[in-house]
């Protein structure tokens, strides 16, 4: 849901589609993930670690969407 909203926002502004990357840290039994999303050459990174890759990407997508909407 969050990714599709960010994709729609990028499309409306004629920007490139968002690109996501998640990095895994920690051990296999206790991993932590941090995500980045790049939109129109702007890089957003999760401020904290999440327990899943999907959670990290969702957190960053919400943060990026808020920042982009403020910069109208």
PDB file of N, CA and C in Angstrom:
ATOM      1  N   UNK A   1       0.806  -1.187   0.000  1.00  0.00           N
ATOM      2  CA  UNK A   1       0.000   0.000   0.000  1.00  0.00           C
ATOM      3  C   UNK A   1       0.858   1.263   0.000  1.00  0.00           C
ATOM      4  N   UNK A   2       1.871   1.311   0.861  1.00  0.00           N
ATOM      5  CA  UNK A   2       2.696   2.504   0.954  1.00  0.00           C
ATOM      6  C   UNK A   2       3.522   2.712  -0.321  1.00  0.00           C
ATOM      7  N   UNK A   3       4.068   1.622  -0.830  1.00  0.00           N
ATOM      8  CA  UNK A   3       4.880   1.742  -2.036  1.00  0.00           C
ATOM      9  C   UNK A   3       4.052   2.222  -3.222  1.00  0.00           C
ATOM     10  N   UNK A   4       2.829   1.744  -3.344  1.00  0.00           N
ATOM     11  CA  UNK A   4       1.999   2.151  -4.478  1.00  0.00           C
ATOM     12  C   UNK A   4       1.641   3.634  -4.376  1.00  0.00           C
ATOM     13  N   UNK A   5       1.410   4.140  -3.167  1.00  0.00           N
ATOM     14  CA  UNK A   5       1.117   5.577  -3.015  1.00  0.00           C
ATOM     15  C   UNK A   5       2.315   6.425  -3.410  1.00  0.00           C
ATOM     16  N   UNK A   6       3.513   5.991  -3.047  1.00  0.00           N
ATOM     17  CA  UNK A   6       4.716   6.724  -3.413  1.00  0.00           C
ATOM     18  C   UNK A   6       4.951   6.653  -4.917  1.00  0.00           C
ATOM     19  N   UNK A   7       4.663   5.511  -5.500  1.00  0.00           N
ATOM     20  CA  UNK A   7       4.796   5.359  -6.948  1.00  0.00           C
ATOM     21  C   UNK A   7       3.807   6.288  -7.680  1.00  0.00           C
ATOM     22  N   UNK A   8       2.583   6.375  -7.192  1.00  0.00           N
ATOM     23  CA  UNK A   8       1.587   7.263  -7.793  1.00  0.00           C
ATOM     24  C   UNK A   8       2.008   8.725  -7.674  1.00  0.00           C
ATOM     25  N   UNK A   9       2.554   9.103  -6.529  1.00  0.00           N
ATOM     26  CA  UNK A   9       3.021  10.466  -6.326  1.00  0.00           C
ATOM     27  C   UNK A   9       4.163  10.791  -7.297  1.00  0.00           C
ATOM     28  N   UNK A  10       5.073   9.851  -7.474  1.00  0.00           N
ATOM     29  CA  UNK A  10       6.178  10.042  -8.419  1.00  0.00           C
ATOM     30  C   UNK A  10       5.664  10.175  -9.850  1.00  0.00           C
ATOM     31  N   UNK A  11       4.689   9.374 -10.188  1.00  0.00           N
ATOM     32  CA  UNK A  11       4.108   9.419 -11.532  1.00  0.00           C
ATOM     33  C   UNK A  11       3.433  10.772 -11.784  1.00  0.00           C
ATOM     34  N   UNK A  12       2.695  11.263 -10.799  1.00  0.00           N
ATOM     35  CA  UNK A  12       1.999  12.552 -10.942  1.00  0.00           C
ATOM     36  C   UNK A  12       2.986  13.702 -11.154  1.00  0.00           C
ATOM     37  N   UNK A  13       4.162  13.571 -10.581  1.00  0.00           N
ATOM     38  CA  UNK A  13       5.173  14.628 -10.707  1.00  0.00           C
ATOM     39  C   UNK A  13       6.139  14.369 -11.866  1.00  0.00           C
ATOM     40  N   UNK A  14       5.860  13.348 -12.651  1.00  0.00           N
ATOM     41  CA  UNK A  14       6.701  12.973 -13.803  1.00  0.00           C
ATOM     42  C   UNK A  14       8.139  12.669 -13.390  1.00  0.00           C
ATOM     43  N   UNK A  15       8.290  12.021 -12.247  1.00  0.00           N
ATOM     44  CA  UNK A  15       9.594  11.618 -11.738  1.00  0.00           C
ATOM     45  C   UNK A  15       9.850  10.159 -12.097  1.00  0.00           C
ATOM     46  N   UNK A  16      11.098   9.743 -11.956  1.00  0.00           N
ATOM     47  CA  UNK A  16      11.434   8.327 -12.102  1.00  0.00           C
ATOM     48  C   UNK A  16      10.767   7.542 -10.981  1.00  0.00           C
ATOM     49  N   UNK A  17      10.548   6.273 -11.221  1.00  0.00           N
ATOM     50  CA  UNK A  17       9.948   5.423 -10.183  1.00  0.00           C
ATOM     51  C   UNK A  17      10.900   5.276  -9.000  1.00  0.00           C
ATOM     52  N   UNK A  18      10.369   5.126  -7.807  1.00  0.00           N
ATOM     53  CA  UNK A  18      11.216   4.940  -6.625  1.00  0.00           C
ATOM     54  C   UNK A  18      12.033   3.652  -6.730  1.00  0.00           C
ATOM     55  N   UNK A  19      13.261   3.710  -6.222  1.00  0.00           N
ATOM     56  CA  UNK A  19      14.135   2.533  -6.163  1.00  0.00           C
ATOM     57  C   UNK A  19      14.416   2.239  -4.695  1.00  0.00           C
ATOM     58  N   UNK A  20      14.219   0.997  -4.311  1.00  0.00           N
ATOM     59  CA  UNK A  20      14.354   0.581  -2.913  1.00  0.00           C
ATOM     60  C   UNK A  20      15.573  -0.303  -2.715  1.00  0.00           C
ATOM     61  N   UNK A  21      16.203  -0.173  -1.539  1.00  0.00           N
ATOM     62  CA  UNK A  21      17.293  -1.064  -1.177  1.00  0.00           C
ATOM     63  C   UNK A  21      17.230  -1.282   0.328  1.00  0.00           C
ATOM     64  N   UNK A  22      17.294  -2.516   0.751  1.00  0.00           N
ATOM     65  CA  UNK A  22      17.305  -2.850   2.180  1.00  0.00           C
ATOM     66  C   UNK A  22      18.618  -3.553   2.508  1.00  0.00           C
ATOM     67  N   UNK A  23      19.207  -3.180   3.628  1.00  0.00           N
ATOM     68  CA  UNK A  23      20.431  -3.827   4.071  1.00  0.00           C
ATOM     69  C   UNK A  23      20.161  -4.562   5.376  1.00  0.00           C
ATOM     70  N   UNK A  24      20.738  -5.741   5.478  1.00  0.00           N
ATOM     71  CA  UNK A  24      20.557  -6.591   6.660  1.00  0.00           C
ATOM     72  C   UNK A  24      21.771  -6.463   7.558  1.00  0.00           C
ATOM     73  N   UNK A  25      21.511  -6.294   8.831  1.00  0.00           N
ATOM     74  CA  UNK A  25      22.571  -6.255   9.826  1.00  0.00           C
ATOM     75  C   UNK A  25      22.202  -7.198  10.955  1.00  0.00           C
ATOM     76  N   UNK A  26      23.167  -7.587  11.723  1.00  0.00           N
ATOM     77  CA  UNK A  26      22.903  -8.488  12.844  1.00  0.00           C
ATOM     78  C   UNK A  26      23.083  -9.942  12.438  1.00  0.00           C
ATOM     79  N   UNK A  27      22.750 -10.815  13.348  1.00  0.00           N
ATOM     80  CA  UNK A  27      22.916 -12.241  13.119  1.00  0.00           C
ATOM     81  C   UNK A  27      21.679 -12.818  12.429  1.00  0.00           C
ATOM     82  N   UNK A  28      21.794 -14.030  11.936  1.00  0.00           N
ATOM     83  CA  UNK A  28      20.675 -14.670  11.240  1.00  0.00           C
ATOM     84  C   UNK A  28      19.465 -14.871  12.157  1.00  0.00           C
ATOM     85  N   UNK A  29      19.700 -15.135  13.421  1.00  0.00           N
ATOM     86  CA  UNK A  29      18.577 -15.366  14.340  1.00  0.00           C
ATOM     87  C   UNK A  29      18.017 -14.063  14.918  1.00  0.00           C
ATOM     88  N   UNK A  30      18.693 -12.950  14.683  1.00  0.00           N
ATOM     89  CA  UNK A  30      18.212 -11.652  15.178  1.00  0.00           C
ATOM     90  C   UNK A  30      18.588 -10.537  14.192  1.00  0.00           C
ATOM     91  N   UNK A  31      18.039 -10.611  12.967  1.00  0.00           N
ATOM     92  CA  UNK A  31      18.414  -9.611  11.962  1.00  0.00           C
ATOM     93  C   UNK A  31      17.714  -8.276  12.182  1.00  0.00           C
ATOM     94  N   UNK A  32      18.336  -7.245  11.709  1.00  0.00           N
ATOM     95  CA  UNK A  32      17.764  -5.901  11.698  1.00  0.00           C
ATOM     96  C   UNK A  32      17.978  -5.337  10.302  1.00  0.00           C
ATOM     97  N   UNK A  33      17.008  -4.603   9.815  1.00  0.00           N
ATOM     98  CA  UNK A  33      17.070  -4.082   8.458  1.00  0.00           C
ATOM     99  C   UNK A  33      16.959  -2.575   8.461  1.00  0.00           C
ATOM    100  N   UNK A  34      17.652  -1.978   7.521  1.00  0.00           N
ATOM    101  CA  UNK A  34      17.540  -0.547   7.283  1.00  0.00           C
ATOM    102  C   UNK A  34      17.311  -0.383   5.783  1.00  0.00           C
ATOM    103  N   UNK A  35      16.415   0.524   5.410  1.00  0.00           N
ATOM    104  CA  UNK A  35      16.059   0.680   4.005  1.00  0.00           C
ATOM    105  C   UNK A  35      16.342   2.091   3.521  1.00  0.00           C
ATOM    106  N   UNK A  36      16.604   2.180   2.223  1.00  0.00           N
ATOM    107  CA  UNK A  36      16.720   3.470   1.562  1.00  0.00           C
ATOM    108  C   UNK A  36      15.815   3.448   0.340  1.00  0.00           C
ATOM    109  N   UNK A  37      15.286   4.601   0.014  1.00  0.00           N
ATOM    110  CA  UNK A  37      14.502   4.752  -1.207  1.00  0.00           C
ATOM    111  C   UNK A  37      15.032   5.996  -1.919  1.00  0.00           C
ATOM    112  N   UNK A  38      15.237   5.857  -3.212  1.00  0.00           N
ATOM    113  CA  UNK A  38      15.703   6.970  -4.029  1.00  0.00           C
ATOM    114  C   UNK A  38      14.583   7.369  -4.970  1.00  0.00           C
ATOM    115  N   UNK A  39      14.250   8.665  -4.940  1.00  0.00           N
ATOM    116  CA  UNK A  39      13.200   9.199  -5.798  1.00  0.00           C
ATOM    117  C   UNK A  39      13.717  10.482  -6.418  1.00  0.00           C
ATOM    118  N   UNK A  40      13.764  10.507  -7.733  1.00  0.00           N
ATOM    119  CA  UNK A  40      14.170  11.723  -8.444  1.00  0.00           C
ATOM    120  C   UNK A  40      15.490  12.273  -7.883  1.00  0.00           C
ATOM    121  N   UNK A  41      16.451  11.396  -7.680  1.00  0.00           N
ATOM    122  CA  UNK A  41      17.787  11.714  -7.155  1.00  0.00           C
ATOM    123  C   UNK A  41      17.780  12.180  -5.697  1.00  0.00           C
ATOM    124  N   UNK A  42      16.687  11.990  -4.980  1.00  0.00           N
ATOM    125  CA  UNK A  42      16.626  12.280  -3.551  1.00  0.00           C
ATOM    126  C   UNK A  42      16.710  10.958  -2.799  1.00  0.00           C
ATOM    127  N   UNK A  43      17.564  10.888  -1.800  1.00  0.00           N
ATOM    128  CA  UNK A  43      17.777   9.659  -1.040  1.00  0.00           C
ATOM    129  C   UNK A  43      17.174   9.801   0.347  1.00  0.00           C
ATOM    130  N   UNK A  44      16.331   8.831   0.725  1.00  0.00           N
ATOM    131  CA  UNK A  44      15.714   8.792   2.052  1.00  0.00           C
ATOM    132  C   UNK A  44      16.125   7.490   2.714  1.00  0.00           C
ATOM    133  N   UNK A  45      16.476   7.560   3.998  1.00  0.00           N
ATOM    134  CA  UNK A  45      16.918   6.384   4.752  1.00  0.00           C
ATOM    135  C   UNK A  45      16.108   6.263   6.028  1.00  0.00           C
ATOM    136  N   UNK A  46      15.791   5.022   6.421  1.00  0.00           N
ATOM    137  CA  UNK A  46      15.060   4.819   7.671  1.00  0.00           C
ATOM    138  C   UNK A  46      15.898   5.335   8.832  1.00  0.00           C
ATOM    139  N   UNK A  47      15.268   6.031   9.770  1.00  0.00           N
ATOM    140  CA  UNK A  47      16.020   6.569  10.905  1.00  0.00           C
ATOM    141  C   UNK A  47      16.373   5.507  11.949  1.00  0.00           C
ATOM    142  N   UNK A  48      15.727   4.342  11.876  1.00  0.00           N
ATOM    143  CA  UNK A  48      15.973   3.282  12.852  1.00  0.00           C
ATOM    144  C   UNK A  48      15.925   1.928  12.142  1.00  0.00           C
ATOM    145  N   UNK A  49      16.318   0.899  12.856  1.00  0.00           N
ATOM    146  CA  UNK A  49      16.330  -0.454  12.296  1.00  0.00           C
ATOM    147  C   UNK A  49      14.989  -1.132  12.546  1.00  0.00           C
ATOM    148  N   UNK A  50      14.597  -1.988  11.614  1.00  0.00           N
ATOM    149  CA  UNK A  50      13.347  -2.746  11.727  1.00  0.00           C
ATOM    150  C   UNK A  50      13.662  -4.236  11.752  1.00  0.00           C
ATOM    151  N   UNK A  51      12.697  -5.019  12.181  1.00  0.00           N
ATOM    152  CA  UNK A  51      12.891  -6.463  12.278  1.00  0.00           C
ATOM    153  C   UNK A  51      12.717  -7.188  10.943  1.00  0.00           C
ATOM    154  N   UNK A  52      12.120  -6.502   9.954  1.00  0.00           N
ATOM    155  CA  UNK A  52      11.951  -7.139   8.646  1.00  0.00           C
ATOM    156  C   UNK A  52      12.292  -6.149   7.540  1.00  0.00           C
ATOM    157  N   UNK A  53      12.664  -6.692   6.394  1.00  0.00           N
ATOM    158  CA  UNK A  53      12.967  -5.861   5.233  1.00  0.00           C
ATOM    159  C   UNK A  53      11.735  -5.084   4.800  1.00  0.00           C
ATOM    160  N   UNK A  54      10.600  -5.749   4.786  1.00  0.00           N
ATOM    161  CA  UNK A  54       9.352  -5.097   4.388  1.00  0.00           C
ATOM    162  C   UNK A  54       8.999  -3.964   5.343  1.00  0.00           C
ATOM    163  N   UNK A  55       9.159  -4.182   6.626  1.00  0.00           N
ATOM    164  CA  UNK A  55       8.880  -3.139   7.608  1.00  0.00           C
ATOM    165  C   UNK A  55       9.776  -1.923   7.415  1.00  0.00           C
ATOM    166  N   UNK A  56      11.056  -2.165   7.142  1.00  0.00           N
ATOM    167  CA  UNK A  56      11.989  -1.063   6.914  1.00  0.00           C
ATOM    168  C   UNK A  56      11.605  -0.276   5.664  1.00  0.00           C
ATOM    169  N   UNK A  57      11.237  -0.987   4.594  1.00  0.00           N
ATOM    170  CA  UNK A  57      10.842  -0.308   3.360  1.00  0.00           C
ATOM    171  C   UNK A  57       9.546   0.476   3.559  1.00  0.00           C
ATOM    172  N   UNK A  58       8.601  -0.083   4.291  1.00  0.00           N
ATOM    173  CA  UNK A  58       7.349   0.633   4.551  1.00  0.00           C
ATOM    174  C   UNK A  58       7.597   1.889   5.387  1.00  0.00           C
ATOM    175  N   UNK A  59       8.435   1.775   6.426  1.00  0.00           N
ATOM    176  CA  UNK A  59       8.742   2.941   7.256  1.00  0.00           C
ATOM    177  C   UNK A  59       9.371   4.045   6.419  1.00  0.00           C
ATOM    178  N   UNK A  60      10.297   3.687   5.561  1.00  0.00           N
ATOM    179  CA  UNK A  60      10.964   4.698   4.754  1.00  0.00           C
ATOM    180  C   UNK A  60      10.042   5.284   3.701  1.00  0.00           C
ATOM    181  N   UNK A  61       9.171   4.470   3.155  1.00  0.00           N
ATOM    182  CA  UNK A  61       8.225   4.974   2.158  1.00  0.00           C
ATOM    183  C   UNK A  61       7.308   6.019   2.769  1.00  0.00           C
ATOM    184  N   UNK A  62       6.838   5.763   3.976  1.00  0.00           N
ATOM    185  CA  UNK A  62       5.964   6.729   4.663  1.00  0.00           C
ATOM    186  C   UNK A  62       6.732   8.022   4.926  1.00  0.00           C
ATOM    187  N   UNK A  63       7.967   7.905   5.391  1.00  0.00           N
ATOM    188  CA  UNK A  63       8.785   9.090   5.652  1.00  0.00           C
ATOM    189  C   UNK A  63       9.076   9.889   4.394  1.00  0.00           C
ATOM    190  N   UNK A  64       9.393   9.205   3.317  1.00  0.00           N
ATOM    191  CA  UNK A  64       9.677   9.887   2.051  1.00  0.00           C
ATOM    192  C   UNK A  64       8.439  10.598   1.535  1.00  0.00           C
ATOM    193  N   UNK A  65       7.289   9.944   1.625  1.00  0.00           N
ATOM    194  CA  UNK A  65       6.050  10.539   1.142  1.00  0.00           C
ATOM    195  C   UNK A  65       5.731  11.832   1.920  1.00  0.00           C
ATOM    196  N   UNK A  66       5.913  11.803   3.219  1.00  0.00           N
ATOM    197  CA  UNK A  66       5.659  12.990   4.039  1.00  0.00           C
ATOM    198  C   UNK A  66       6.581  14.139   3.639  1.00  0.00           C
ATOM    199  N   UNK A  67       7.860  13.845   3.444  1.00  0.00           N
ATOM    200  CA  UNK A  67       8.811  14.885   3.074  1.00  0.00           C
ATOM    201  C   UNK A  67       8.504  15.469   1.702  1.00  0.00           C
ATOM    202  N   UNK A  68       8.145  14.625   0.757  1.00  0.00           N
ATOM    203  CA  UNK A  68       7.849  15.094  -0.593  1.00  0.00           C
ATOM    204  C   UNK A  68       6.608  15.968  -0.589  1.00  0.00           C
ATOM    205  N   UNK A  69       5.604  15.589   0.161  1.00  0.00           N
ATOM    206  CA  UNK A  69       4.362  16.382   0.209  1.00  0.00           C
ATOM    207  C   UNK A  69       4.598  17.743   0.845  1.00  0.00           C
ATOM    208  N   UNK A  70       5.537  17.839   1.797  1.00  0.00           N
ATOM    209  CA  UNK A  70       5.851  19.120   2.419  1.00  0.00           C
ATOM    210  C   UNK A  70       6.541  20.077   1.436  1.00  0.00           C
ATOM    211  N   UNK A  71       7.218  19.520   0.442  1.00  0.00           N
ATOM    212  CA  UNK A  71       8.014  20.318  -0.500  1.00  0.00           C
ATOM    213  C   UNK A  71       7.229  20.697  -1.755  1.00  0.00           C
ATOM    214  N   UNK A  72       5.958  20.791  -1.689  1.00  0.00           N
ATOM    215  CA  UNK A  72       5.158  21.111  -2.873  1.00  0.00           C
ATOM    216  C   UNK A  72       5.511  22.416  -3.442  1.00  0.00           C
TER     217      UNK A  72
END
